[in-house]
N, C-alpha and C. Protein backbone atom coordinates (compact mmCIF):
# COMPACT_ATOMS: atom_id res chain seq x y z
N MET A 1 0.71 -1.10 0.04
CA MET A 1 -0.08 -0.03 0.10
C MET A 1 0.97 1.21 0.14
N VAL A 2 0.56 2.04 -0.80
CA VAL A 2 1.22 3.46 -0.80
C VAL A 2 0.66 4.29 0.23
N ALA A 3 1.63 5.08 1.01
CA ALA A 3 0.99 5.87 2.06
C ALA A 3 0.04 6.86 1.56
N ALA A 4 -1.02 7.16 2.17
CA ALA A 4 -2.05 8.06 1.70
C ALA A 4 -2.30 9.13 2.80
N LEU A 5 -2.07 10.45 2.50
CA LEU A 5 -2.08 11.47 3.49
C LEU A 5 -3.66 11.78 3.59
N VAL A 6 -3.92 11.40 4.86
CA VAL A 6 -5.44 11.64 5.19
C VAL A 6 -5.81 12.93 6.06
N ILE A 7 -4.77 13.48 6.56
CA ILE A 7 -4.89 14.85 7.36
C ILE A 7 -3.75 15.66 7.12
N HIS A 8 -3.83 16.82 6.87
CA HIS A 8 -2.75 17.69 6.64
C HIS A 8 -3.22 19.13 7.01
N THR A 9 -2.72 19.70 8.10
CA THR A 9 -3.05 21.09 8.44
C THR A 9 -1.82 21.65 8.87
N LYS A 10 -1.74 22.97 8.51
CA LYS A 10 -0.46 23.79 9.05
C LYS A 10 -1.01 25.06 9.25
N GLU A 11 -0.92 25.62 10.62
CA GLU A 11 -1.20 27.02 10.61
C GLU A 11 -0.11 27.69 11.44
N ILE A 12 0.03 29.03 10.95
CA ILE A 12 1.10 29.84 11.29
C ILE A 12 0.56 31.08 12.03
N LYS A 13 0.99 31.45 13.19
CA LYS A 13 0.49 32.66 13.98
C LYS A 13 1.86 33.17 14.25
N GLU A 14 2.30 34.35 13.81
CA GLU A 14 3.55 35.03 13.95
C GLU A 14 4.73 34.19 14.30
N ASP A 15 5.08 33.78 15.35
CA ASP A 15 6.47 33.00 15.59
C ASP A 15 6.01 31.38 15.87
N GLU A 16 4.74 31.17 15.67
CA GLU A 16 4.42 29.91 16.08
C GLU A 16 3.78 29.08 15.01
N ILE A 17 3.88 27.75 14.82
CA ILE A 17 3.58 26.92 13.86
C ILE A 17 2.89 25.79 14.57
N VAL A 18 1.79 25.13 14.08
CA VAL A 18 1.13 24.08 14.30
C VAL A 18 1.09 23.24 13.06
N GLU A 19 1.65 22.00 13.08
CA GLU A 19 1.45 21.28 11.66
C GLU A 19 1.16 19.80 12.28
N ILE A 20 -0.07 19.27 11.55
CA ILE A 20 -0.49 17.95 11.83
C ILE A 20 -0.63 17.13 10.51
N LYS A 21 0.02 16.06 10.43
CA LYS A 21 0.07 15.12 9.32
C LYS A 21 -0.21 13.69 9.68
N VAL A 22 -1.30 13.14 9.14
CA VAL A 22 -1.59 11.72 9.19
C VAL A 22 -1.69 11.02 8.07
N TRP A 23 -1.04 9.95 7.97
CA TRP A 23 -0.87 8.96 6.73
C TRP A 23 -1.50 7.59 7.14
N ARG A 24 -2.35 7.21 6.07
CA ARG A 24 -2.68 5.73 6.09
C ARG A 24 -1.82 5.03 5.40
N VAL A 25 -1.18 3.88 6.14
CA VAL A 25 0.04 3.18 5.60
C VAL A 25 -0.16 1.72 5.84
N SER A 26 0.37 0.88 5.15
CA SER A 26 0.40 -0.53 5.44
C SER A 26 0.75 -0.92 6.80
N ARG A 27 0.18 -1.88 7.31
CA ARG A 27 0.41 -2.31 8.73
C ARG A 27 1.85 -3.16 8.56
N THR A 28 2.70 -2.75 9.34
CA THR A 28 4.05 -3.49 9.58
C THR A 28 4.50 -3.47 10.85
N LYS A 29 5.58 -4.04 11.12
CA LYS A 29 6.04 -3.97 12.60
C LYS A 29 6.25 -2.70 13.19
N HIS A 30 6.70 -1.66 12.19
CA HIS A 30 6.82 -0.21 12.60
C HIS A 30 5.63 0.73 12.56
N THR A 31 4.66 0.02 11.86
CA THR A 31 3.28 0.74 11.80
C THR A 31 2.20 -0.20 12.06
N PRO A 32 2.10 -0.80 13.19
CA PRO A 32 1.03 -2.05 13.41
C PRO A 32 -0.45 -1.42 13.34
N ASP A 33 -0.55 -0.13 13.64
CA ASP A 33 -1.88 0.49 13.42
C ASP A 33 -2.24 0.76 12.16
N GLY A 34 -1.37 0.84 11.04
CA GLY A 34 -1.51 1.22 9.85
C GLY A 34 -1.74 2.85 9.70
N VAL A 35 -0.99 3.37 10.69
CA VAL A 35 -1.08 4.88 10.71
C VAL A 35 0.49 5.39 10.90
N LYS A 36 0.72 6.67 10.04
CA LYS A 36 2.00 7.24 10.36
C LYS A 36 1.49 8.68 10.65
N ILE A 37 2.18 9.24 11.80
CA ILE A 37 1.86 10.40 12.47
C ILE A 37 2.95 11.29 12.64
N SER A 38 2.91 12.54 12.29
CA SER A 38 3.73 13.62 12.55
C SER A 38 2.86 14.85 13.07
N VAL A 39 3.13 15.25 14.30
CA VAL A 39 2.29 16.41 14.96
C VAL A 39 3.33 17.20 15.48
N VAL A 40 3.29 18.58 15.53
CA VAL A 40 4.43 19.42 15.89
C VAL A 40 4.04 20.84 16.20
N TYR A 41 4.15 21.53 17.40
CA TYR A 41 4.27 22.77 17.71
C TYR A 41 5.56 23.40 17.70
N VAL A 42 5.89 24.40 16.90
CA VAL A 42 7.06 25.09 16.84
C VAL A 42 6.98 26.58 17.29
N LYS A 43 7.82 26.97 18.10
CA LYS A 43 7.91 28.62 18.44
C LYS A 43 9.21 28.90 18.18
N ASN A 44 9.31 29.97 17.54
CA ASN A 44 10.64 30.70 17.41
C ASN A 44 11.78 29.80 16.57
N GLY A 45 11.17 28.92 15.78
CA GLY A 45 12.08 27.70 15.07
C GLY A 45 12.28 26.60 15.93
N LYS A 46 11.89 26.54 17.13
CA LYS A 46 12.24 25.37 17.96
C LYS A 46 11.05 24.58 18.36
N ARG A 47 11.30 23.24 18.02
CA ARG A 47 10.17 22.25 18.33
C ARG A 47 9.94 22.18 19.82
N LEU A 48 8.82 22.51 20.40
CA LEU A 48 8.42 22.43 21.69
C LEU A 48 7.69 21.21 22.18
N ILE A 49 6.73 20.91 21.13
CA ILE A 49 5.91 19.69 21.24
C ILE A 49 5.98 18.77 20.06
N GLY A 50 5.96 17.54 20.06
CA GLY A 50 5.74 16.86 18.89
C GLY A 50 5.47 15.35 19.24
N TYR A 51 4.62 14.86 18.40
CA TYR A 51 4.36 13.34 18.48
C TYR A 51 4.50 12.80 17.07
N ASP A 52 5.02 11.68 17.13
CA ASP A 52 5.32 10.90 15.82
C ASP A 52 5.54 9.48 16.26
N ASN A 53 5.78 8.70 15.08
CA ASN A 53 6.03 7.25 15.21
C ASN A 53 7.12 7.02 14.01
N ALA A 54 8.13 7.60 14.37
CA ALA A 54 9.45 7.27 13.46
C ALA A 54 9.79 6.01 13.46
N GLU A 55 10.01 5.47 12.29
CA GLU A 55 10.58 4.19 12.08
C GLU A 55 11.62 3.66 13.13
N GLY A 56 11.44 2.44 13.89
CA GLY A 56 12.37 2.19 14.69
C GLY A 56 12.13 2.65 16.14
N LYS A 57 11.48 3.76 16.25
CA LYS A 57 11.04 4.47 17.69
C LYS A 57 9.80 4.11 18.14
N GLY A 58 8.94 3.76 17.34
CA GLY A 58 7.39 3.66 17.74
C GLY A 58 6.72 4.98 18.12
N TYR A 59 5.66 4.85 18.68
CA TYR A 59 4.90 6.13 19.03
C TYR A 59 5.73 6.84 20.16
N HIS A 60 5.98 8.14 20.05
CA HIS A 60 6.71 8.76 21.18
C HIS A 60 6.36 10.29 21.32
N ARG A 61 6.56 10.92 22.29
CA ARG A 61 6.25 12.33 22.40
C ARG A 61 7.56 13.21 22.66
N HIS A 62 7.57 14.30 21.97
CA HIS A 62 8.75 15.26 22.49
C HIS A 62 7.96 16.40 23.20
N PHE A 63 8.42 16.78 24.41
CA PHE A 63 7.92 17.84 25.16
C PHE A 63 9.10 18.59 25.66
N MET A 64 9.22 19.90 25.09
CA MET A 64 10.44 20.81 25.49
C MET A 64 11.73 19.95 24.90
N ASP A 65 12.53 19.62 25.75
CA ASP A 65 13.64 18.97 25.42
C ASP A 65 13.80 17.29 25.95
N GLN A 66 12.55 17.01 26.34
CA GLN A 66 12.44 15.71 26.63
C GLN A 66 11.84 14.74 25.71
N GLU A 67 12.13 13.64 25.42
CA GLU A 67 11.55 12.49 24.57
C GLU A 67 11.14 11.17 25.37
N GLU A 68 9.81 10.83 25.32
CA GLU A 68 9.45 9.64 26.04
C GLU A 68 8.42 8.78 25.06
N PRO A 69 8.42 7.45 25.42
CA PRO A 69 7.20 6.66 24.72
C PRO A 69 5.90 7.35 24.84
N TYR A 70 5.08 7.08 24.00
CA TYR A 70 3.66 7.53 23.84
C TYR A 70 2.82 6.38 23.81
N ALA A 71 1.80 6.02 24.50
CA ALA A 71 0.84 5.02 24.50
C ALA A 71 -0.34 5.51 23.54
N PHE A 72 -0.07 5.10 22.38
CA PHE A 72 -1.06 5.35 21.23
C PHE A 72 -2.36 4.62 21.38
N SER A 73 -3.52 5.20 21.19
CA SER A 73 -4.73 4.43 21.32
C SER A 73 -5.36 4.72 19.93
N ASP A 74 -5.51 5.98 19.60
CA ASP A 74 -5.98 6.37 18.34
C ASP A 74 -5.72 7.98 18.13
N VAL A 75 -5.97 8.20 16.83
CA VAL A 75 -5.56 9.61 16.47
C VAL A 75 -6.24 10.71 17.26
N ARG A 76 -7.65 10.55 17.55
CA ARG A 76 -8.24 11.60 18.28
C ARG A 76 -7.75 11.81 19.54
N ALA A 77 -7.52 10.46 20.34
CA ALA A 77 -6.82 10.87 21.87
C ALA A 77 -5.43 11.66 21.56
N LEU A 78 -4.68 11.12 20.67
CA LEU A 78 -3.32 11.81 20.29
C LEU A 78 -3.46 13.29 20.18
N LEU A 79 -4.30 13.57 19.39
CA LEU A 79 -4.70 15.08 18.98
C LEU A 79 -5.15 15.83 20.23
N GLY A 80 -6.02 15.00 21.09
CA GLY A 80 -6.44 15.65 22.55
C GLY A 80 -5.20 15.92 23.37
N ASP A 81 -4.28 14.98 23.36
CA ASP A 81 -3.23 15.13 24.35
C ASP A 81 -2.29 16.22 23.68
N PHE A 82 -2.11 16.31 22.34
CA PHE A 82 -1.33 17.54 21.84
C PHE A 82 -1.89 18.65 22.09
N LYS A 83 -3.43 18.93 22.11
CA LYS A 83 -4.05 20.15 22.45
C LYS A 83 -3.68 20.51 23.99
N LYS A 84 -3.78 19.48 24.78
CA LYS A 84 -3.47 19.70 26.29
C LYS A 84 -2.21 20.16 26.41
N ASP A 85 -1.10 19.70 25.74
CA ASP A 85 0.24 20.07 25.85
C ASP A 85 0.41 21.59 25.21
N ILE A 86 -0.08 21.96 24.25
CA ILE A 86 -0.31 23.46 23.74
C ILE A 86 -0.68 24.28 24.85
N ARG A 87 -1.91 23.89 25.43
CA ARG A 87 -2.45 24.72 26.52
C ARG A 87 -1.50 24.82 27.69
N THR A 88 -0.77 23.85 28.09
CA THR A 88 0.22 23.85 29.12
C THR A 88 1.33 24.91 28.77
N ILE A 89 1.80 24.94 27.62
CA ILE A 89 2.94 25.67 27.18
C ILE A 89 2.44 27.01 26.84
N ARG A 90 1.20 27.31 26.14
CA ARG A 90 1.00 28.60 25.75
C ARG A 90 0.18 29.21 26.84
N GLY A 91 -0.51 28.51 27.84
CA GLY A 91 -1.31 29.16 28.55
C GLY A 91 -2.90 29.34 28.29
N ARG A 92 -2.96 28.85 27.07
CA ARG A 92 -4.37 28.76 26.26
C ARG A 92 -4.25 27.99 25.09
N ASP A 93 -5.55 27.75 24.57
CA ASP A 93 -5.70 26.97 23.59
C ASP A 93 -4.98 27.40 22.28
N TRP A 94 -4.65 26.65 21.23
CA TRP A 94 -4.16 27.20 20.00
C TRP A 94 -5.08 28.23 19.33
N ASP A 95 -6.60 28.00 19.38
CA ASP A 95 -7.51 28.81 18.71
C ASP A 95 -7.82 30.18 19.50
N GLU A 96 -7.16 30.32 20.66
CA GLU A 96 -7.20 31.54 21.50
C GLU A 96 -6.18 32.42 21.31
N SER A 97 -6.41 33.72 21.21
CA SER A 97 -5.22 34.83 21.02
C SER A 97 -4.96 35.21 22.63
N GLU A 98 -3.91 35.92 22.71
CA GLU A 98 -3.69 36.50 24.09
C GLU A 98 -4.82 37.43 24.66
N GLU A 99 -5.37 38.08 23.63
CA GLU A 99 -6.58 38.90 24.14
C GLU A 99 -7.75 38.19 24.46
N ASP A 100 -7.90 37.02 24.14
CA ASP A 100 -9.02 36.17 24.54
C ASP A 100 -8.84 35.77 26.01
N THR A 101 -7.61 35.68 26.51
CA THR A 101 -7.38 35.26 27.82
C THR A 101 -7.28 36.26 28.97
N HIS A 102 -7.41 37.55 28.62
CA HIS A 102 -7.47 38.67 29.54
C HIS A 102 -8.80 39.27 29.63
């Protein structure tokens, strides 16, 4: 099976970027769920949050300068966890501006 990109969004707000990519792929030992994921939050050119399942590493999470395994259940849950991480770092959701929180 050729990888099929099923979700791709990229939003830029001044010095921040959120990019979400989800592919449907063949089930292999590296992609047992048939999903390839790359989700990232970048500020000032530095990745602060990332979720992916790079070949050989399995599902894992990047948070600030830490990398740890991630217990993947489904795409929706992963995106929910990503949104919580953004809220932790920014102090507000991605779709809220600073003015919305004052």
